[in-house]
């Protein structure tokens, strides 16, 4: 888990990325 996403995402997207990072669903969706 990195605090800096590979792609420049908005604050809202970053929050969703962090929350869904545990499940891995959104993580795979973004990359």
N, C-alpha and C. Protein backbone atom coordinates (compact mmCIF):
# COMPACT_ATOMS: atom_id res chain seq x y z
N UNK A 1 0.85 -1.20 0.00
CA UNK A 1 0.00 0.00 0.00
C UNK A 1 0.88 1.25 0.00
N UNK A 2 0.71 2.08 -1.00
CA UNK A 2 1.50 3.30 -1.10
C UNK A 2 0.61 4.52 -0.96
N UNK A 3 1.11 5.54 -0.30
CA UNK A 3 0.32 6.76 -0.13
C UNK A 3 0.25 7.56 -1.43
N UNK A 4 1.12 7.22 -2.38
CA UNK A 4 1.13 7.96 -3.64
C UNK A 4 0.73 7.03 -4.79
N UNK A 5 -0.50 7.18 -5.29
CA UNK A 5 -0.99 6.32 -6.37
C UNK A 5 -0.17 6.51 -7.65
N UNK A 6 -0.17 5.50 -8.50
CA UNK A 6 0.61 5.58 -9.73
C UNK A 6 0.04 6.63 -10.68
N UNK A 7 -1.29 6.84 -10.61
CA UNK A 7 -1.92 7.82 -11.48
C UNK A 7 -2.50 8.95 -10.64
N UNK A 8 -2.42 10.19 -11.11
CA UNK A 8 -2.95 11.34 -10.38
C UNK A 8 -4.46 11.28 -10.27
N UNK A 9 -4.95 10.86 -9.10
CA UNK A 9 -6.39 10.75 -8.91
C UNK A 9 -6.87 11.84 -7.96
N UNK A 10 -8.12 12.28 -8.12
CA UNK A 10 -8.69 13.29 -7.23
C UNK A 10 -8.77 12.78 -5.80
N UNK A 11 -9.02 13.69 -4.87
CA UNK A 11 -9.06 13.33 -3.45
C UNK A 11 -10.10 12.24 -3.21
N UNK A 12 -11.25 12.36 -3.84
CA UNK A 12 -12.32 11.38 -3.65
C UNK A 12 -11.87 10.00 -4.14
N UNK A 13 -11.23 9.98 -5.29
CA UNK A 13 -10.78 8.71 -5.86
C UNK A 13 -9.72 8.08 -4.95
N UNK A 14 -8.85 8.92 -4.38
CA UNK A 14 -7.80 8.40 -3.49
C UNK A 14 -8.43 7.76 -2.27
N UNK A 15 -9.49 8.38 -1.75
CA UNK A 15 -10.16 7.83 -0.57
C UNK A 15 -10.76 6.47 -0.90
N UNK A 16 -11.43 6.37 -2.04
CA UNK A 16 -12.03 5.11 -2.46
C UNK A 16 -10.95 4.06 -2.66
N UNK A 17 -9.81 4.49 -3.20
CA UNK A 17 -8.70 3.59 -3.45
C UNK A 17 -8.18 3.01 -2.14
N UNK A 18 -8.04 3.88 -1.14
CA UNK A 18 -7.54 3.44 0.16
C UNK A 18 -8.54 2.49 0.81
N UNK A 19 -9.84 2.84 0.77
CA UNK A 19 -10.86 2.03 1.42
C UNK A 19 -10.98 0.67 0.73
N UNK A 20 -11.00 0.69 -0.60
CA UNK A 20 -11.18 -0.56 -1.33
C UNK A 20 -9.86 -1.31 -1.50
N UNK A 21 -8.77 -0.71 -1.04
CA UNK A 21 -7.48 -1.37 -1.17
C UNK A 21 -7.45 -2.66 -0.36
N UNK A 22 -8.22 -2.68 0.74
CA UNK A 22 -8.29 -3.88 1.57
C UNK A 22 -8.98 -5.01 0.83
N UNK A 23 -10.02 -4.68 0.06
CA UNK A 23 -10.75 -5.70 -0.67
C UNK A 23 -10.04 -6.03 -1.98
N UNK A 24 -9.45 -5.01 -2.59
CA UNK A 24 -8.72 -5.22 -3.83
C UNK A 24 -9.59 -5.03 -5.06
N UNK A 25 -10.87 -4.70 -4.85
CA UNK A 25 -11.77 -4.53 -5.99
C UNK A 25 -11.42 -3.25 -6.74
N UNK A 26 -11.48 -2.12 -6.02
CA UNK A 26 -11.18 -0.84 -6.66
C UNK A 26 -9.71 -0.77 -7.04
N UNK A 27 -8.87 -1.44 -6.28
CA UNK A 27 -7.44 -1.43 -6.56
C UNK A 27 -7.18 -2.00 -7.96
N UNK A 28 -7.86 -3.09 -8.31
CA UNK A 28 -7.69 -3.68 -9.63
C UNK A 28 -8.35 -2.81 -10.69
N UNK A 29 -9.42 -2.12 -10.31
CA UNK A 29 -10.12 -1.28 -11.27
C UNK A 29 -9.25 -0.11 -11.71
N UNK A 30 -8.54 0.51 -10.74
CA UNK A 30 -7.70 1.65 -11.07
C UNK A 30 -6.39 1.20 -11.72
N UNK A 31 -6.01 -0.06 -11.51
CA UNK A 31 -4.76 -0.50 -12.12
C UNK A 31 -4.32 -1.80 -11.51
